[in-house]
Protein backbone atom coordinates (compact mmCIF):
# COMPACT_ATOMS: atom_id res chain seq x y z
CA MET A 1 110.80 32.82 -125.44
CA SER A 2 108.37 32.45 -122.54
CA PHE A 3 107.74 29.60 -120.13
CA THR A 4 104.87 28.62 -117.88
CA SER A 5 105.59 27.04 -114.51
CA HIS A 6 103.74 23.79 -113.72
CA VAL A 7 103.41 21.85 -110.48
CA ARG A 8 104.75 18.29 -110.73
CA LYS A 9 105.10 15.68 -108.01
CA GLY A 10 108.69 15.45 -106.79
CA LEU A 11 109.95 18.51 -108.69
CA ASN A 12 110.75 21.94 -107.24
CA ARG A 13 110.10 23.62 -110.57
CA CYS A 14 108.85 22.51 -113.99
CA LEU A 15 108.98 25.04 -116.81
CA ILE A 16 107.34 24.38 -120.18
CA ASP A 17 108.03 26.46 -123.28
CA ASP A 18 104.77 28.19 -124.24
CA SER A 19 105.51 27.64 -127.95
CA LEU A 20 104.97 23.89 -127.50
CA HIS A 21 101.18 24.35 -127.43
CA GLY A 22 100.45 21.94 -124.63
CA GLU A 23 102.55 19.41 -122.83
CA PRO A 24 104.00 16.86 -125.28
CA LEU A 25 106.40 15.51 -122.64
CA TYR A 26 105.21 14.96 -119.05
CA PHE A 27 107.32 13.74 -116.13
CA HIS A 28 107.29 13.48 -112.35
CA ILE A 29 109.24 11.80 -109.55
CA SER A 30 107.59 9.38 -107.13
CA GLU A 31 108.65 7.40 -104.08
CA VAL A 32 107.11 4.10 -102.97
CA GLY A 33 107.84 2.39 -99.67
CA PRO A 34 108.83 -1.28 -99.35
CA GLY A 35 105.94 -3.62 -100.16
CA GLN A 36 103.85 -0.75 -101.56
CA ARG A 37 102.31 -0.16 -104.98
CA SER A 38 102.44 3.27 -106.61
CA HIS A 39 98.78 3.02 -107.72
CA PRO A 40 96.45 0.41 -109.22
CA ALA A 41 97.30 -0.97 -112.65
CA HIS A 42 96.13 1.44 -115.35
CA GLN A 43 96.33 2.38 -119.05
CA HIS A 44 96.76 5.64 -120.95
CA ASP A 45 97.92 7.04 -124.30
CA GLY A 46 101.44 8.00 -125.31
CA THR A 47 104.79 6.33 -124.72
CA GLU A 48 106.05 5.84 -121.15
CA ALA A 49 109.48 5.41 -119.61
CA ILE A 50 110.44 4.67 -116.02
CA TYR A 51 113.91 5.42 -114.64
CA VAL A 52 114.88 4.07 -111.19
CA MET A 53 116.83 6.53 -109.04
CA ALA A 54 116.86 4.60 -105.73
CA GLY A 55 115.83 1.16 -104.53
CA GLU A 56 114.22 -1.46 -106.72
CA ALA A 57 110.94 -1.56 -108.63
CA THR A 58 108.97 -4.32 -110.30
CA LEU A 59 107.28 -3.06 -113.43
CA GLU A 60 104.17 -5.10 -114.19
CA ILE A 61 102.93 -4.97 -117.78
CA GLU A 62 99.93 -7.26 -118.19
CA ASP A 63 101.28 -10.71 -117.13
CA GLU A 64 104.97 -9.77 -117.40
CA LYS A 65 107.12 -8.63 -114.43
CA ILE A 66 110.40 -6.81 -114.94
CA VAL A 67 112.71 -5.91 -112.03
CA LEU A 68 114.42 -2.53 -112.42
CA ARG A 69 117.30 -1.42 -110.21
CA VAL A 70 119.13 1.90 -109.71
CA GLY A 71 120.25 3.38 -113.02
CA GLU A 72 117.95 1.14 -115.09
CA SER A 73 114.97 2.14 -117.18
CA ALA A 74 112.19 0.67 -119.29
CA THR A 75 110.22 2.28 -122.12
CA PHE A 76 106.87 0.75 -123.08
CA GLU A 77 103.42 1.23 -124.59
CA PRO A 78 101.21 2.38 -121.70
CA GLN A 79 98.04 1.32 -123.53
CA ARG A 80 98.86 -2.10 -122.01
CA LEU A 81 97.67 -2.52 -118.40
CA HIS A 82 100.66 -1.61 -116.22
CA GLY A 83 101.75 -0.71 -112.70
CA LEU A 84 104.77 -0.50 -110.42
CA VAL A 85 105.38 -2.21 -107.08
CA ASN A 86 108.29 -2.00 -104.65
CA ASN A 87 109.19 -5.60 -103.76
CA GLY A 88 112.48 -4.43 -102.20
CA THR A 89 113.35 -3.61 -98.59
CA THR A 90 114.16 0.10 -99.06
CA PRO A 91 112.19 3.03 -100.53
CA ASN A 92 112.02 3.13 -104.32
CA ARG A 93 112.39 6.53 -106.00
CA TYR A 94 111.72 6.74 -109.73
CA MET A 95 111.00 9.15 -112.55
CA VAL A 96 108.08 8.66 -114.93
CA ILE A 97 108.35 10.22 -118.38
CA ILE A 98 105.35 10.19 -120.71
CA ALA A 99 105.48 11.40 -124.32
CA ARG A 100 101.93 12.39 -125.17
CA PRO A 101 100.58 11.98 -128.71
CA PRO A 102 100.15 15.25 -130.63
CA ALA A 103 96.82 16.96 -130.04
């Protein structure tokens, strides 16, 4: 079995089995300061999950807002316009996991 090393935000090392023929599961770790937004609302293919490791995050999916705290997660269809904002008073650290559709 062979692996290829990939660079991912927040990870020291990310190895992907070469027999997978692509990257069916993508993840990274981000940190957002208080009052900050990770990036503008966006859409993409696949299935997405967010897991909060520190602080608090507000997941915005279209007109809905869901507060996630440490140890909580949400899985959703990322084809819907979505984004993440830190409405807390401490840094928010979270993992994003995206299952990509088969190529």
